[in-house]
Amino acid sequence: MAIGQRAAQRNQSLIDQATENQRHIVVEYSGKDRALASANAFTEGLTENNQDLADLLLAPKVNKAQLYFHKENKEYNDYVDNDAALREAIDRLFDSEKSHQVAQAVLERLYSPEFVQQLVNGELKFYSTEEPDELLAENEVDVVIHLFNLYLIAPGMAQEVGQKPWHFEQFFTPEETQWLSYVLDGEDFYEKGPSFNNTDITYKMASVLVDDFFNEIEKIKQGNEQAALKVRFAHAETIMPFSANMQLKGSEEGVDPQTTFSYDNNDWHGKWVAPYSSNIQWDVYRGEADDLLVKMLYNEKEISFKSSYHPIEPDSYFYSFSELKRCYNQ
């Protein structure tokens, strides 16, 4: 909701024009309930002080093709499930000596040594209650990753527990959280981000969404726009490939297949690329000439487009739309 409130404050002139000209707000989401909940929270914040704007809000529509493309793309899913080089790269992170050491240390503070040893030996397997054939955990690292994922999402679940905090931090030392965050970052980097530098399969599918961003601006240029604002709500699996496809900050390059991803050899960090409520916004302005100007905000911060291309003047975040089209082969 707060993101919507800040968007309203930041774009007052856009809101004024929308209400004056009766131009609608288009809302699309991936089809998942959590994405719809995000859409409702955002639009509530956007319109809370302006009933005229709320009246222009169109009902949310599902757009899986553009916002849930990672599930819709068979080539990508076959690659993630079966590519030997990809699985080996991820296994190097999860099956490393450090990962096993961290997992065992965490679990030994919670369970009996005998139970932990059973996990270490691979004697226990845990399956999904919803999909009985889906193996969720088969060793101590898998178990700790599930616990750590609860630790990561707990700050976003304050309403579920009222005023009582979750306190999942009691289960991990700062050093352990740093390592486990790196392991999960590595998995996301390989499966959803820039990945290997000899393939684009993890992010080329995001072209359908990139194209739509450009198409919406093209409508404005041609004078065919009907909406003042188009907002889309999806997931980290949408943001990460989109950022890699556009070579945005932190997502400019992959790694050699023989090199293990690390923070030392790559700028990719999950805490920047796709934190809680991550968002990418393009603001479109009419310049003095016939061309349009575009400015991007990433997680509500002004950033540059692809680093090899230049804004309209040094140290500016405004880009000529025609230049952006040329840069991104649109």
Protein backbone atom coordinates (compact mmCIF):
# COMPACT_ATOMS: atom_id res chain seq x y z
CA MET A 1 0.00 0.00 0.00
CA ALA A 2 2.83 2.39 0.86
CA ILE A 3 4.35 1.98 -2.62
CA GLY A 4 1.04 3.12 -4.11
CA GLN A 5 0.91 6.09 -1.76
CA ARG A 6 4.43 7.14 -2.74
CA ALA A 7 3.63 6.66 -6.42
CA ALA A 8 0.67 9.01 -6.06
CA GLN A 9 2.82 11.64 -4.38
CA ARG A 10 5.56 11.31 -6.97
CA ASN A 11 3.23 11.46 -9.97
CA GLN A 12 0.71 14.12 -9.01
CA SER A 13 0.69 15.69 -12.48
CA LEU A 14 -0.09 12.30 -14.03
CA ILE A 15 -2.97 11.80 -11.61
CA ASP A 16 -4.33 15.27 -12.33
CA GLN A 17 -4.25 14.60 -16.08
CA ALA A 18 -5.90 11.20 -15.63
CA THR A 19 -8.82 12.60 -13.67
CA GLU A 20 -9.18 15.60 -15.94
CA ASN A 21 -9.16 13.55 -19.15
CA GLN A 22 -10.93 10.48 -17.69
CA ARG A 23 -8.09 8.11 -18.60
CA HIS A 24 -8.16 4.75 -16.89
CA ILE A 25 -5.72 2.79 -14.74
CA VAL A 26 -5.12 -0.68 -16.21
CA VAL A 27 -4.22 -3.44 -13.75
CA GLU A 28 -2.84 -6.84 -14.76
CA TYR A 29 -1.54 -9.70 -12.64
CA SER A 30 -0.06 -13.16 -13.05
CA GLY A 31 -3.14 -15.10 -11.99
CA LYS A 32 -1.83 -15.93 -8.52
CA ASP A 33 -3.74 -14.75 -5.45
CA ARG A 34 -0.66 -13.18 -3.88
CA ALA A 35 -0.11 -11.07 -7.01
CA LEU A 36 -3.74 -9.94 -6.91
CA ALA A 37 -3.34 -9.06 -3.22
CA SER A 38 -0.33 -6.91 -4.13
CA ALA A 39 -2.32 -5.23 -6.89
CA ASN A 40 -5.17 -4.43 -4.53
CA ALA A 41 -2.82 -3.04 -1.88
CA PHE A 42 -1.01 -0.85 -4.42
CA THR A 43 -4.16 0.59 -5.98
CA GLU A 44 -5.65 1.22 -2.55
CA GLY A 45 -2.63 3.33 -1.67
CA LEU A 46 -2.61 5.03 -5.07
CA THR A 47 -6.23 6.15 -4.89
CA GLU A 48 -6.86 6.57 -1.14
CA ASN A 49 -6.95 10.37 -1.29
CA ASN A 50 -8.61 10.68 -4.68
CA GLN A 51 -12.03 9.12 -5.27
CA ASP A 52 -12.11 10.50 -8.82
CA LEU A 53 -8.99 8.47 -9.57
CA ALA A 54 -10.46 5.40 -7.87
CA ASP A 55 -13.43 5.63 -10.24
CA LEU A 56 -11.03 5.28 -13.18
CA LEU A 57 -9.56 2.04 -11.85
CA LEU A 58 -10.34 -0.93 -14.09
CA ALA A 59 -10.88 -4.42 -12.66
CA PRO A 60 -7.64 -6.47 -12.51
CA LYS A 61 -7.13 -8.88 -15.40
CA VAL A 62 -4.99 -12.01 -15.56
CA ASN A 63 -2.10 -11.94 -18.04
CA LYS A 64 -0.14 -15.16 -17.67
CA ALA A 65 1.61 -14.85 -21.02
CA GLN A 66 3.45 -11.70 -19.96
CA LEU A 67 3.58 -12.04 -16.17
CA TYR A 68 3.88 -15.79 -15.53
CA PHE A 69 6.03 -16.64 -18.52
CA HIS A 70 8.40 -18.85 -16.54
CA LYS A 71 5.63 -21.40 -16.07
CA GLU A 72 4.30 -21.00 -19.60
CA ASN A 73 7.62 -21.69 -21.36
CA LYS A 74 8.29 -25.41 -21.98
CA GLU A 75 11.82 -24.89 -23.31
CA TYR A 76 12.82 -23.04 -20.16
CA ASN A 77 11.28 -25.57 -17.80
CA ASP A 78 12.91 -28.47 -19.61
CA TYR A 79 16.23 -26.65 -19.29
CA VAL A 80 15.85 -25.99 -15.55
CA ASP A 81 14.82 -29.58 -14.86
CA ASN A 82 17.28 -31.40 -17.07
CA ASP A 83 20.33 -29.38 -18.10
CA ALA A 84 23.38 -31.12 -16.64
CA ALA A 85 25.62 -28.02 -16.53
CA LEU A 86 22.95 -26.01 -14.73
CA ARG A 87 22.25 -28.72 -12.17
CA GLU A 88 26.00 -29.16 -11.57
CA ALA A 89 26.49 -25.43 -10.98
CA ILE A 90 23.65 -25.30 -8.44
CA ASP A 91 24.80 -28.51 -6.77
CA ARG A 92 28.22 -26.94 -6.25
CA LEU A 93 26.49 -24.44 -3.97
CA PHE A 94 24.03 -26.68 -2.15
CA ASP A 95 26.34 -29.68 -1.84
CA SER A 96 29.45 -27.73 -0.86
CA GLU A 97 31.30 -28.59 2.34
CA LYS A 98 30.37 -25.20 3.78
CA SER A 99 26.65 -25.74 3.12
CA HIS A 100 26.72 -29.09 4.92
CA GLN A 101 28.66 -27.60 7.83
CA VAL A 102 26.21 -24.72 8.22
CA ALA A 103 23.16 -26.97 7.95
CA GLN A 104 24.45 -29.41 10.52
CA ALA A 105 25.35 -26.63 12.95
CA VAL A 106 21.87 -25.10 12.69
CA LEU A 107 20.06 -28.40 13.15
CA GLU A 108 22.21 -29.58 16.05
CA ARG A 109 20.96 -26.60 18.04
CA LEU A 110 17.37 -27.72 17.43
CA TYR A 111 17.28 -31.51 17.28
CA SER A 112 18.92 -34.53 18.80
CA PRO A 113 22.28 -35.64 17.35
CA GLU A 114 20.70 -38.94 16.30
CA PHE A 115 17.99 -37.24 14.24
CA VAL A 116 20.46 -34.85 12.61
CA GLN A 117 22.72 -37.76 11.71
CA GLN A 118 19.81 -39.49 9.99
CA LEU A 119 19.35 -36.39 7.87
CA VAL A 120 23.07 -36.22 7.13
CA ASN A 121 23.04 -39.87 6.06
CA GLY A 122 20.07 -39.30 3.76
CA GLU A 123 17.95 -41.79 5.68
CA LEU A 124 14.91 -39.50 5.85
CA LYS A 125 12.96 -38.05 2.96
CA PHE A 126 10.15 -35.50 3.09
CA TYR A 127 7.45 -35.14 0.43
CA SER A 128 4.83 -32.52 -0.35
CA THR A 129 1.41 -33.09 1.17
CA GLU A 130 -0.18 -31.55 -1.91
CA GLU A 131 1.95 -33.38 -4.50
CA PRO A 132 2.91 -36.76 -2.93
CA ASP A 133 5.53 -37.45 -5.60
CA GLU A 134 7.29 -34.12 -5.04
CA LEU A 135 10.43 -34.61 -2.95
CA LEU A 136 10.98 -31.56 -0.74
CA ALA A 137 14.00 -32.56 1.33
CA GLU A 138 16.37 -35.51 1.42
CA ASN A 139 19.27 -34.26 3.53
CA GLU A 140 20.19 -31.72 6.18
CA VAL A 141 20.87 -28.92 3.68
CA ASP A 142 17.41 -29.21 2.15
CA VAL A 143 15.80 -29.10 5.60
CA VAL A 144 17.72 -25.99 6.66
CA ILE A 145 16.92 -24.23 3.39
CA HIS A 146 13.21 -24.69 4.14
CA LEU A 147 13.68 -23.26 7.62
CA PHE A 148 15.73 -20.40 6.23
CA ASN A 149 13.01 -19.57 3.70
CA LEU A 150 10.63 -19.11 6.63
CA TYR A 151 13.19 -16.79 8.20
CA LEU A 152 13.28 -14.76 4.97
CA ILE A 153 9.53 -14.32 4.59
CA ALA A 154 8.73 -13.73 8.28
CA PRO A 155 9.18 -9.91 8.11
CA GLY A 156 6.48 -9.80 5.45
CA MET A 157 3.97 -11.72 7.55
CA ALA A 158 3.45 -9.28 10.41
CA GLN A 159 -0.32 -9.21 9.91
CA GLU A 160 -0.54 -12.98 10.26
CA VAL A 161 0.75 -12.84 13.83
CA GLY A 162 -0.55 -9.49 15.01
CA GLN A 163 1.87 -7.74 17.33
CA LYS A 164 3.92 -10.85 18.13
CA PRO A 165 7.12 -11.18 16.08
CA TRP A 166 8.18 -14.51 14.58
CA HIS A 167 11.78 -14.49 15.89
CA PHE A 168 13.11 -16.92 13.31
CA GLU A 169 16.44 -15.12 13.73
CA GLN A 170 16.99 -17.21 16.87
CA PHE A 171 17.75 -20.21 14.68
CA PHE A 172 20.65 -18.69 12.71
CA THR A 173 23.86 -16.82 13.41
CA PRO A 174 24.68 -13.80 11.18
CA GLU A 175 27.42 -15.81 9.49
CA GLU A 176 24.98 -18.62 8.69
CA THR A 177 22.41 -16.25 7.23
CA GLN A 178 25.08 -14.73 4.99
CA TRP A 179 26.09 -18.12 3.63
CA LEU A 180 22.55 -19.39 3.09
CA SER A 181 21.59 -16.10 1.41
CA TYR A 182 24.50 -16.58 -0.98
CA VAL A 183 23.43 -20.14 -1.77
CA LEU A 184 19.87 -19.06 -2.59
CA ASP A 185 21.16 -16.05 -4.54
CA GLY A 186 23.30 -18.43 -6.58
CA GLU A 187 20.33 -20.66 -7.36
CA ASP A 188 18.26 -17.67 -8.51
CA PHE A 189 21.17 -16.28 -10.51
CA TYR A 190 21.57 -19.55 -12.41
CA GLU A 191 17.88 -20.37 -12.89
CA LYS A 192 16.26 -16.94 -13.30
CA GLY A 193 19.00 -14.34 -13.79
CA PRO A 194 21.97 -13.78 -16.10
CA SER A 195 23.17 -17.38 -15.51
CA PHE A 196 25.86 -18.68 -17.92
CA ASN A 197 27.44 -16.29 -20.37
CA ASN A 198 26.95 -18.73 -23.27
CA THR A 199 23.14 -18.86 -23.15
CA ASP A 200 20.15 -16.56 -22.78
CA ILE A 201 17.55 -19.24 -22.06
CA THR A 202 16.93 -18.08 -18.49
CA TYR A 203 15.83 -14.62 -19.54
CA LYS A 204 14.96 -14.49 -23.25
CA MET A 205 11.39 -15.52 -22.36
CA ALA A 206 11.00 -12.12 -20.63
CA SER A 207 11.00 -10.50 -24.08
CA VAL A 208 7.19 -10.72 -24.11
CA LEU A 209 7.08 -8.33 -21.16
CA VAL A 210 9.87 -6.08 -22.43
CA ASP A 211 8.01 -5.78 -25.74
CA ASP A 212 4.84 -4.76 -23.94
CA PHE A 213 6.65 -1.96 -22.10
CA PHE A 214 7.81 -0.60 -25.45
CA ASN A 215 4.43 -1.16 -27.11
CA GLU A 216 2.65 0.86 -24.43
CA ILE A 217 4.98 3.79 -25.02
CA GLU A 218 4.55 3.44 -28.77
CA LYS A 219 0.81 3.90 -28.24
CA ILE A 220 1.52 7.16 -26.45
CA LYS A 221 3.75 8.30 -29.28
CA GLN A 222 1.05 7.52 -31.82
CA GLY A 223 -1.61 9.23 -29.72
CA ASN A 224 -3.51 5.97 -29.20
CA GLU A 225 -3.09 5.61 -25.46
CA GLN A 226 -6.26 5.06 -23.48
CA ALA A 227 -4.76 4.50 -20.04
CA ALA A 228 -2.91 6.98 -17.89
CA LEU A 229 -1.18 4.19 -16.03
CA LYS A 230 -0.63 0.47 -16.57
CA VAL A 231 0.47 -1.52 -13.55
CA ARG A 232 1.49 -5.18 -13.53
CA PHE A 233 1.87 -7.52 -10.56
CA ALA A 234 3.88 -10.69 -10.67
CA HIS A 235 6.80 -12.41 -8.93
CA ALA A 236 10.56 -12.55 -8.47
CA GLU A 237 10.53 -15.11 -11.31
CA THR A 238 9.27 -12.26 -13.50
CA ILE A 239 11.50 -9.45 -12.23
CA MET A 240 14.77 -11.39 -12.42
CA PRO A 241 14.58 -12.46 -16.09
CA PHE A 242 13.19 -9.05 -17.05
CA SER A 243 16.20 -7.34 -15.47
CA ALA A 244 18.65 -9.75 -17.10
CA ASN A 245 16.95 -9.38 -20.47
CA MET A 246 17.36 -5.61 -20.28
CA GLN A 247 20.85 -5.79 -18.70
CA LEU A 248 19.88 -3.54 -15.82
CA LYS A 249 21.99 -2.75 -12.78
CA GLY A 250 23.33 -5.93 -11.21
CA SER A 251 22.07 -8.11 -14.07
CA GLU A 252 24.48 -7.19 -16.83
CA GLU A 253 26.40 -10.42 -17.33
CA GLY A 254 26.54 -14.13 -16.66
CA VAL A 255 29.46 -16.29 -15.60
CA ASP A 256 31.54 -18.85 -17.43
CA PRO A 257 30.04 -22.35 -16.99
CA GLN A 258 33.24 -23.49 -15.31
CA THR A 259 33.22 -20.59 -12.83
CA THR A 260 31.03 -20.72 -9.75
CA PHE A 261 28.95 -17.61 -9.21
CA SER A 262 30.09 -15.46 -6.30
CA TYR A 263 29.72 -11.87 -5.14
CA ASP A 264 33.38 -11.37 -6.03
CA ASN A 265 33.02 -12.28 -9.70
CA ASN A 266 29.53 -10.88 -10.37
CA ASP A 267 27.46 -7.86 -9.33
CA TRP A 268 24.22 -9.84 -9.02
CA HIS A 269 22.62 -9.58 -5.54
CA GLY A 270 19.12 -10.81 -4.79
CA LYS A 271 18.64 -8.08 -2.19
CA TRP A 272 18.80 -5.52 -5.01
CA VAL A 273 17.42 -7.40 -8.01
CA ALA A 274 14.32 -8.82 -6.33
CA PRO A 275 13.83 -7.87 -2.67
CA TYR A 276 10.44 -7.72 -0.99
CA SER A 277 8.02 -5.68 -3.12
CA SER A 278 10.60 -5.19 -5.85
CA ASN A 279 9.31 -2.96 -8.62
CA ILE A 280 10.31 -1.42 -11.93
CA GLN A 281 8.63 1.73 -13.19
CA TRP A 282 8.97 3.60 -16.47
CA ASP A 283 7.82 7.21 -16.48
CA VAL A 284 7.09 8.69 -19.89
CA TYR A 285 7.32 12.42 -20.63
CA ARG A 286 6.73 14.54 -23.68
CA GLY A 287 9.87 16.43 -24.60
CA GLU A 288 10.16 19.72 -26.43
CA ALA A 289 10.77 17.87 -29.68
CA ASP A 290 8.48 15.22 -31.16
CA ASP A 291 10.23 12.40 -29.31
CA LEU A 292 9.24 11.04 -25.90
CA LEU A 293 11.53 10.82 -22.90
CA VAL A 294 11.65 7.80 -20.58
CA LYS A 295 12.94 7.58 -17.02
CA MET A 296 13.21 4.33 -15.07
CA LEU A 297 12.89 3.71 -11.34
CA TYR A 298 14.04 0.37 -9.92
CA ASN A 299 12.85 -0.31 -6.39
CA GLU A 300 11.78 3.36 -6.36
CA LYS A 301 15.29 4.60 -7.17
CA GLU A 302 16.26 6.30 -10.43
CA ILE A 303 18.68 4.12 -12.40
CA SER A 304 20.18 3.97 -15.85
CA PHE A 305 19.18 1.67 -18.66
CA LYS A 306 21.76 -0.62 -20.27
CA SER A 307 25.15 0.77 -19.28
CA SER A 308 26.47 0.99 -22.85
CA TYR A 309 23.79 3.51 -23.84
CA HIS A 310 23.56 7.14 -22.91
CA PRO A 311 20.87 9.44 -21.55
CA ILE A 312 19.96 12.73 -23.18
CA GLU A 313 22.77 14.45 -21.27
CA PRO A 314 25.48 13.40 -18.79
CA ASP A 315 24.30 12.42 -15.30
CA SER A 316 20.67 12.40 -16.44
CA TYR A 317 18.22 9.52 -16.05
CA PHE A 318 16.11 10.63 -19.02
CA TYR A 319 16.46 8.69 -22.27
CA SER A 320 15.10 9.40 -25.70
CA PHE A 321 12.49 6.78 -26.57
CA SER A 322 13.82 6.47 -30.10
CA GLU A 323 17.30 5.81 -28.67
CA LEU A 324 15.94 3.16 -26.32
CA LYS A 325 14.19 1.44 -29.22
CA ARG A 326 17.45 1.39 -31.15
CA CYS A 327 19.41 0.12 -28.14
CA TYR A 328 17.02 -2.73 -27.45
CA ASN A 329 16.28 -3.57 -31.10
CA GLN A 330 12.62 -2.67 -30.81
